[in-house]
Structure formats: C-alpha cells, structure tokens
Amino acid sequence: MKLKYNNLSENQKMLIKRKTSSIMISLFRYAFLIAVGYVIIVQLVYIVSYAIRDPEEMYDPGVVWITKNPSLSNFKLAFEGLDYIAAFLRTIGIQILSGLVEVFTCALAAYGFARFKFKGKNIFFFFVILMILLPPQMTVISMYLNYAHFDFFGILKVLGGVFGKDIRPNILDTGFVFWLPSLFGVGLRSGLFIFIYRQFFKGLPKELEEAASIDGANAFMTFIKVVLPSSGVAMLTVAIFSVVWHWNDYYLSIIYFNDNYPLSVELSKLAENVGAISGLGSTVSLGVQMAACALFIVPVLIMYIILQKKFIASIDRVGIVG
C-alpha cells in the first residue's frame, strides 16, 4: 500500500491529503453537532416527559421517560400559575416591542458610525464598546433612581423648584423603562447590535448611496430606502437576538416592575402563584414546573423553527463568530 502511494504523482498525493482532511473535518463537525444536539434534545424530552406526566406517576420508579397515563393537568395549573395570557401580552407589548424598536434605532446609530465623519466619533464609539463590556448591574441603581424621578437634563427638577413641588414622574412599573432606552439606542444589548450593524454597513458598496444622493435623496431617505432594504440579513440577526434576549430578561424586569411582570418573572414566581391557587403553600410539583418551562420556551422555539434557515444564513453573512 505504501509502495502504491509512493508511485503516485504529487498532484494525486495532494488530492488524497485534501480528501482525507475534508473527511476528518466533516467527522469532527458531525460528532460535535450530534453531541450538542443530544444535550439539547434530551433536555427538551425531559421537559415534555414530566410536563405530560400524571401527578400520581411523578415519583413512580417504573416510569422513566414515557408516561403510562398522559395528562394535561400540569399544563392547566401552570397556565393559571403564570397568568399566561396577561403575562404573554405584557411580554409582547413591553419586551418584544422594545426589542423590535432596537432593531431600527441601533441600525440608525450604526449607519452614522459606519458612513459619517464627525467630531468625537471615536470617543462615542468607545462608549458603544463600553455598553458591550459593562454589565447592567453596574448601572441599574442609577437607572432605577432616574426612572423613579424621571427627568430630562434636570429641566423638570428646575420647574418643580419654581412651582414648589416635585413634578418628576415615576415611570417604574411601566413599559417606558424599556421603551425609552430602546428608542434612543441604549437598550438591552444595544452596544452589541450597533457593532454588528456597523460592521455590516462598512461592507456595503458606497455606489448605492452615491446613486441615491444623485437622485436627490438626503442621508435619512438613503438610509430608509437604500441601506435598510439591502441589510435584511443583518436586521434578521439583530432582530432574533434582540427578541430572545428581551424575552428571557429577568434581572431588569424584576427590578423595574412591581406588578406588571413579564413571563420571565412570572416563571420565577410560579411556586408562589400556584400555591395561592391550589392552597398547597409554596410547594409545586416538578411536572408543573416543567409544564411552565414548556409554555415559556414554545413561542421562541416556534419563531426559531420558522426563521432557522434565514437566521443561519444571516449569521454567516454578518460574520458573527464565537
């Protein structure tokens, strides 16, 4: 065998090495994907298995994965404990709406960084990088105080001094605590989204914008009619990340809200809510917990299933790695 290999030409040897290398890379890729897929699928099967399990079988050693008597009682109790319809609508109206607003405002900010020269550009972009690096725990106290006595550059405080009373509104426990940061491009993970958009816009051909300028379009109209329609892959990437992160947000929601909780917070309060409904105290069965988790992840899972092909293609186009 070795003799036959030695008799091959250099081109044939290079071809064999390339094929061998390609096969090894493919085997490693498939092994990695199978391992990751196994971990994810097992967790999903575990959740479904316990969610549809009859309460009497919960501690039956004879039932491991497949229940003998499937039941939706856990889903019913979890649905009531989460106050699912109201919490779902609050999540859509506050968190998801904020995430979608960020998709546009971050694109607008990133376009300015990618295409325009202005004083302090590098300093401002340094603050964008800080938004990525600094965790929300470092700014949450100042943000909380600002929302509790909301003001614009101290104007309302000055007017309150003139009128003799504090006229600064308290916007805590309202959607404005998420809507306003998203509107001004400083919301949840905005720094990362601006960076993704900026990298994508820098790769767009400038000829498109020059043609729009010749036709009489100003910078904003060029952004709306030329740049955004050409940035579908970047927008899809940012939109999915933004929606998922807002959907899963717990830390800021539990701090800013006192009553109007989204689903992420209601999930953490499940035991308390179910206990109040069933009269069993703060004890809640594993089946109800798994049913609540399933109700929480199903909307995002459906969204990803619908968009998975476009999402994977967009990740490749915008160059996100790691």
Protein backbone atom coordinates (compact mmCIF):
# COMPACT_ATOMS: atom_id res chain seq x y z
CA MET A 1 0.00 0.00 0.00
CA LYS A 2 2.86 2.31 0.90
CA LEU A 3 4.60 1.46 -2.38
CA LYS A 4 1.50 2.33 -4.38
CA TYR A 5 1.25 5.67 -2.57
CA ASN A 6 4.89 6.46 -3.31
CA ASN A 7 4.27 5.78 -7.00
CA LEU A 8 1.55 8.43 -7.18
CA SER A 9 2.23 11.86 -8.66
CA GLU A 10 2.43 14.96 -6.45
CA ASN A 11 -0.98 16.15 -7.63
CA GLN A 12 -2.56 12.82 -6.74
CA LYS A 13 -0.93 12.87 -3.30
CA MET A 14 -2.22 16.41 -2.68
CA LEU A 15 -5.71 15.31 -3.75
CA ILE A 16 -5.65 12.37 -1.32
CA LYS A 17 -4.47 14.63 1.53
CA ARG A 18 -7.22 17.13 0.81
CA LYS A 19 -9.90 14.44 0.72
CA THR A 20 -8.58 12.91 3.96
CA SER A 21 -8.51 16.31 5.64
CA SER A 22 -12.04 17.07 4.40
CA ILE A 23 -13.34 13.73 5.74
CA MET A 24 -11.72 14.31 9.15
CA ILE A 25 -13.17 17.81 9.41
CA SER A 26 -16.63 16.51 8.44
CA LEU A 27 -16.42 13.71 11.02
CA PHE A 28 -15.42 16.17 13.72
CA ARG A 29 -18.22 18.56 12.71
CA TYR A 30 -20.87 15.83 12.77
CA ALA A 31 -19.58 14.47 16.10
CA PHE A 32 -19.75 17.95 17.62
CA LEU A 33 -23.25 18.64 16.25
CA ILE A 34 -24.52 15.24 17.43
CA ALA A 35 -23.12 15.86 20.93
CA VAL A 36 -24.64 19.35 21.18
CA GLY A 37 -27.92 18.15 19.65
CA TYR A 38 -28.08 15.28 22.12
CA VAL A 39 -27.67 17.61 25.09
CA ILE A 40 -30.41 19.96 23.83
CA ILE A 41 -32.84 17.25 22.70
CA VAL A 42 -32.52 15.28 25.94
CA GLN A 43 -33.45 18.40 27.92
CA LEU A 44 -36.49 19.03 25.73
CA VAL A 45 -37.60 15.41 26.01
CA TYR A 46 -37.12 15.60 29.79
CA ILE A 47 -39.32 18.72 29.99
CA VAL A 48 -42.08 17.19 27.86
CA SER A 49 -41.91 13.85 29.68
CA TYR A 50 -42.53 15.42 33.08
CA ALA A 51 -44.95 18.06 31.78
CA ILE A 52 -47.44 15.46 30.48
CA ARG A 53 -46.94 13.03 33.37
CA ASP A 54 -49.83 12.28 35.68
CA PRO A 55 -49.18 13.60 39.23
CA GLU A 56 -49.58 10.07 40.65
CA GLU A 57 -46.73 8.83 38.41
CA MET A 58 -44.36 11.64 39.32
CA TYR A 59 -42.42 9.53 41.81
CA ASP A 60 -43.12 6.12 40.28
CA PRO A 61 -39.71 4.40 39.69
CA GLY A 62 -41.30 2.35 36.90
CA VAL A 63 -41.89 5.48 34.80
CA VAL A 64 -38.67 6.92 33.42
CA TRP A 65 -39.32 8.65 30.08
CA ILE A 66 -42.71 7.54 28.77
CA THR A 67 -45.74 8.08 30.97
CA LYS A 68 -48.44 5.45 31.20
CA ASN A 69 -51.28 7.94 31.56
CA PRO A 70 -50.58 11.24 29.74
CA SER A 71 -52.27 14.19 31.38
CA LEU A 72 -52.57 17.92 30.71
CA SER A 73 -53.32 18.76 34.34
CA ASN A 74 -49.80 20.13 34.84
CA PHE A 75 -50.24 22.48 31.88
CA LYS A 76 -53.57 23.68 33.23
CA LEU A 77 -52.11 24.51 36.64
CA ALA A 78 -49.00 26.09 35.11
CA PHE A 79 -51.16 28.15 32.74
CA GLU A 80 -53.10 29.54 35.68
CA GLY A 81 -50.00 29.99 37.84
CA LEU A 82 -48.24 32.02 35.15
CA ASP A 83 -51.37 34.07 34.45
CA TYR A 84 -50.25 33.17 30.97
CA ILE A 85 -52.48 35.27 28.71
CA ALA A 86 -51.94 38.52 30.64
CA ALA A 87 -48.21 37.90 31.14
CA PHE A 88 -47.77 36.91 27.50
CA LEU A 89 -49.46 40.11 26.30
CA ARG A 90 -47.33 42.19 28.68
CA THR A 91 -44.21 40.48 27.36
CA ILE A 92 -45.22 41.19 23.77
CA GLY A 93 -46.25 44.79 24.47
CA ILE A 94 -43.19 45.72 26.53
CA GLN A 95 -40.28 43.37 25.92
CA ILE A 96 -40.82 42.30 22.32
CA LEU A 97 -41.88 45.77 21.20
CA SER A 98 -38.73 47.19 22.82
CA GLY A 99 -36.63 44.58 21.04
CA LEU A 100 -38.13 45.43 17.66
CA VAL A 101 -37.64 49.16 18.23
CA GLU A 102 -33.96 48.45 18.93
CA VAL A 103 -33.63 46.78 15.55
CA PHE A 104 -34.29 50.13 13.84
CA THR A 105 -32.67 52.60 16.27
CA CYS A 106 -29.44 50.61 16.54
CA ALA A 107 -29.29 50.41 12.75
CA LEU A 108 -29.65 54.19 12.51
CA ALA A 109 -26.87 54.77 15.07
CA ALA A 110 -24.59 52.23 13.41
CA TYR A 111 -25.11 53.81 9.99
CA GLY A 112 -23.84 57.10 11.40
CA PHE A 113 -20.72 55.41 12.75
CA ALA A 114 -20.11 53.49 9.52
CA ARG A 115 -20.59 56.25 6.94
CA PHE A 116 -20.15 59.69 8.51
CA LYS A 117 -17.21 61.59 9.93
CA PHE A 118 -17.87 63.88 12.88
CA LYS A 119 -16.08 65.27 15.89
CA GLY A 120 -15.70 62.83 18.75
CA LYS A 121 -16.68 59.84 16.61
CA ASN A 122 -14.05 57.59 18.18
CA ILE A 123 -14.99 58.70 21.68
CA PHE A 124 -18.66 57.98 21.08
CA PHE A 125 -17.84 54.58 19.62
CA PHE A 126 -15.70 53.89 22.69
CA PHE A 127 -18.87 54.34 24.78
CA VAL A 128 -20.64 51.90 22.47
CA ILE A 129 -17.93 49.33 23.23
CA LEU A 130 -18.38 50.08 26.95
CA MET A 131 -22.08 49.25 26.56
CA ILE A 132 -20.98 45.78 25.45
CA LEU A 133 -18.41 45.31 28.20
CA LEU A 134 -20.22 46.77 31.22
CA PRO A 135 -22.85 44.51 32.83
CA PRO A 136 -26.25 46.06 33.68
CA GLN A 137 -25.54 45.55 37.39
CA MET A 138 -23.13 48.50 37.27
CA THR A 139 -25.76 50.98 36.04
CA VAL A 140 -29.01 49.59 37.39
CA ILE A 141 -29.08 51.69 40.59
CA SER A 142 -28.64 54.99 38.76
CA MET A 143 -31.20 53.90 36.14
CA TYR A 144 -33.67 52.92 38.86
CA LEU A 145 -33.34 56.31 40.57
CA ASN A 146 -33.69 58.10 37.25
CA TYR A 147 -36.88 56.20 36.43
CA ALA A 148 -38.27 56.79 39.93
CA HIS A 149 -37.81 60.57 39.42
CA PHE A 150 -37.76 60.82 35.65
CA ASP A 151 -36.26 63.99 34.23
CA PHE A 152 -34.76 65.46 31.06
CA PHE A 153 -31.38 67.06 31.80
CA GLY A 154 -32.72 68.35 35.14
CA ILE A 155 -35.38 70.51 33.45
CA LEU A 156 -38.32 69.10 35.42
CA LYS A 157 -36.40 69.48 38.67
CA VAL A 158 -35.86 73.18 37.96
CA LEU A 159 -39.52 73.66 37.01
CA GLY A 160 -40.54 71.80 40.16
CA GLY A 161 -38.49 74.26 42.21
CA VAL A 162 -40.33 77.14 40.51
CA PHE A 163 -43.77 75.64 41.18
CA GLY A 164 -42.87 74.48 44.67
CA LYS A 165 -43.45 70.75 44.15
CA ASP A 166 -41.78 67.77 42.55
CA ILE A 167 -43.26 67.26 39.08
CA ARG A 168 -40.88 64.48 38.01
CA PRO A 169 -43.00 61.40 37.11
CA ASN A 170 -42.32 57.89 38.38
CA ILE A 171 -42.23 55.61 35.34
CA LEU A 172 -41.27 52.44 37.19
CA ASP A 173 -43.65 49.52 36.63
CA THR A 174 -44.49 50.87 33.16
CA GLY A 175 -43.29 49.92 29.71
CA PHE A 176 -41.34 53.18 29.42
CA VAL A 177 -38.43 51.68 31.38
CA PHE A 178 -37.75 49.50 28.32
CA TRP A 179 -39.31 51.58 25.53
CA LEU A 180 -37.28 54.74 26.15
CA PRO A 181 -33.79 53.13 26.17
CA SER A 182 -34.68 51.16 23.04
CA LEU A 183 -35.97 54.31 21.34
CA PHE A 184 -32.65 56.08 21.93
CA GLY A 185 -30.50 53.06 21.03
CA VAL A 186 -29.22 52.34 24.55
CA GLY A 187 -31.48 49.45 25.47
CA LEU A 188 -30.74 45.83 26.28
CA ARG A 189 -27.56 44.71 24.39
CA SER A 190 -27.76 47.79 22.14
CA GLY A 191 -23.97 48.14 22.07
CA LEU A 192 -23.58 44.70 20.51
CA PHE A 193 -26.31 45.38 17.95
CA ILE A 194 -24.74 48.69 16.91
CA PHE A 195 -21.40 46.92 16.49
CA ILE A 196 -22.97 44.18 14.31
CA TYR A 197 -24.73 46.74 12.12
CA ARG A 198 -21.62 48.91 11.83
CA GLN A 199 -19.52 46.01 10.60
CA PHE A 200 -22.18 45.11 8.04
CA PHE A 201 -22.72 48.67 6.78
CA LYS A 202 -18.99 49.16 6.26
CA GLY A 203 -19.11 46.28 3.79
CA LEU A 204 -21.97 47.72 1.71
CA PRO A 205 -20.91 49.27 -1.62
CA LYS A 206 -20.93 53.07 -1.40
CA GLU A 207 -22.11 53.29 -5.01
CA LEU A 208 -25.66 52.53 -3.86
CA GLU A 209 -25.71 55.58 -1.59
CA GLU A 210 -23.98 57.76 -4.17
CA ALA A 211 -26.65 56.86 -6.73
CA ALA A 212 -29.38 57.76 -4.23
CA SER A 213 -27.64 61.07 -3.49
CA ILE A 214 -27.53 61.90 -7.23
CA ASP A 215 -31.28 61.26 -7.36
CA GLY A 216 -31.75 63.89 -4.64
CA ALA A 217 -32.19 61.68 -1.56
CA ASN A 218 -30.86 63.05 1.72
CA ALA A 219 -28.96 60.88 4.22
CA PHE A 220 -32.04 59.76 6.12
CA MET A 221 -34.00 58.84 3.00
CA THR A 222 -30.95 56.98 1.68
CA PHE A 223 -30.84 55.03 4.93
CA ILE A 224 -34.57 54.19 4.75
CA LYS A 225 -34.90 53.41 1.05
CA VAL A 226 -31.48 52.04 0.13
CA VAL A 227 -29.48 50.87 3.14
CA LEU A 228 -32.21 49.13 5.17
CA PRO A 229 -33.63 47.14 2.20
CA SER A 230 -30.08 45.95 1.49
CA SER A 231 -29.48 44.90 5.10
CA GLY A 232 -32.02 42.14 5.54
CA VAL A 233 -29.54 39.55 6.81
CA ALA A 234 -28.11 41.89 9.46
CA MET A 235 -31.56 43.02 10.55
CA LEU A 236 -32.75 39.43 10.89
CA THR A 237 -29.74 38.53 13.02
CA VAL A 238 -30.21 41.52 15.31
CA ALA A 239 -33.99 41.00 15.46
CA ILE A 240 -33.70 37.39 16.63
CA PHE A 241 -31.03 38.19 19.21
CA SER A 242 -32.96 41.20 20.45
CA VAL A 243 -36.29 39.36 20.73
CA VAL A 244 -34.75 36.37 22.51
CA TRP A 245 -32.77 38.50 24.97
CA HIS A 246 -35.77 40.68 25.78
CA TRP A 247 -37.99 37.60 26.10
CA ASN A 248 -35.57 35.99 28.56
CA ASP A 249 -34.74 39.13 30.53
CA TYR A 250 -35.31 38.63 34.24
CA TYR A 251 -32.82 40.86 36.05
CA LEU A 252 -34.03 44.26 34.82
CA SER A 253 -37.69 43.20 34.81
CA ILE A 254 -37.71 42.13 38.46
CA ILE A 255 -36.07 45.44 39.44
CA TYR A 256 -38.12 47.85 37.34
CA PHE A 257 -41.54 46.23 37.73
CA ASN A 258 -43.62 45.86 40.88
CA ASP A 259 -46.70 44.22 39.45
CA ASN A 260 -46.78 44.20 35.63
CA TYR A 261 -44.38 41.29 35.34
CA PRO A 262 -43.48 39.64 32.01
CA LEU A 263 -43.40 35.86 31.61
CA SER A 264 -39.76 35.54 32.69
CA VAL A 265 -40.58 36.92 36.14
CA GLU A 266 -43.89 35.09 36.42
CA LEU A 267 -41.97 31.88 35.82
CA SER A 268 -39.80 32.56 38.86
CA LYS A 269 -42.92 33.28 40.93
CA LEU A 270 -44.63 30.07 39.81
CA ALA A 271 -44.48 28.29 43.18
CA GLU A 272 -45.97 31.28 44.97
CA ASN A 273 -48.76 31.73 42.42
CA VAL A 274 -49.65 28.04 42.17
CA GLY A 275 -49.62 27.77 45.96
CA ALA A 276 -52.12 30.60 46.19
CA ILE A 277 -54.35 28.92 43.60
CA SER A 278 -54.20 25.35 44.92
CA GLY A 279 -53.91 26.19 48.61
CA LEU A 280 -50.87 23.91 48.97
CA GLY A 281 -48.45 26.60 50.08
CA SER A 282 -45.24 27.26 48.20
CA THR A 283 -44.79 23.62 47.13
CA VAL A 284 -45.16 22.94 43.41
CA SER A 285 -44.58 19.62 41.66
CA LEU A 286 -41.82 19.04 39.14
CA GLY A 287 -44.43 18.34 36.48
CA VAL A 288 -45.98 21.78 36.88
CA GLN A 289 -42.53 23.40 36.75
CA MET A 290 -41.70 21.56 33.52
CA ALA A 291 -45.06 22.47 32.01
CA ALA A 292 -44.43 26.14 32.85
CA CYS A 293 -40.97 25.95 31.25
CA ALA A 294 -42.52 24.43 28.12
CA LEU A 295 -45.11 27.23 27.93
CA PHE A 296 -42.31 29.77 28.30
CA ILE A 297 -40.00 28.44 25.59
CA VAL A 298 -42.59 27.34 23.00
CA PRO A 299 -43.17 30.82 21.44
CA VAL A 300 -39.43 31.42 20.96
CA LEU A 301 -38.94 27.87 19.70
CA ILE A 302 -41.68 28.32 17.11
CA MET A 303 -40.11 31.61 15.98
CA TYR A 304 -36.71 29.95 15.58
CA ILE A 305 -38.13 26.97 13.67
CA ILE A 306 -39.77 29.35 11.20
CA LEU A 307 -36.67 31.52 10.76
CA GLN A 308 -33.86 28.99 11.23
CA LYS A 309 -32.69 28.80 7.61
CA LYS A 310 -32.59 32.56 7.14
CA PHE A 311 -31.02 33.00 10.57
CA ILE A 312 -28.16 30.58 9.88
CA ALA A 313 -27.53 32.26 6.52
CA SER A 314 -27.56 35.70 8.15
CA ILE A 315 -25.05 34.62 10.82
CA ASP A 316 -22.69 33.59 8.02
CA ARG A 317 -23.22 36.86 6.11
CA VAL A 318 -22.67 39.27 9.03
CA GLY A 319 -19.60 37.37 10.18
CA ILE A 320 -20.55 36.63 13.81
CA VAL A 321 -18.23 34.05 15.32
CA GLY A 322 -17.66 32.59 18.78
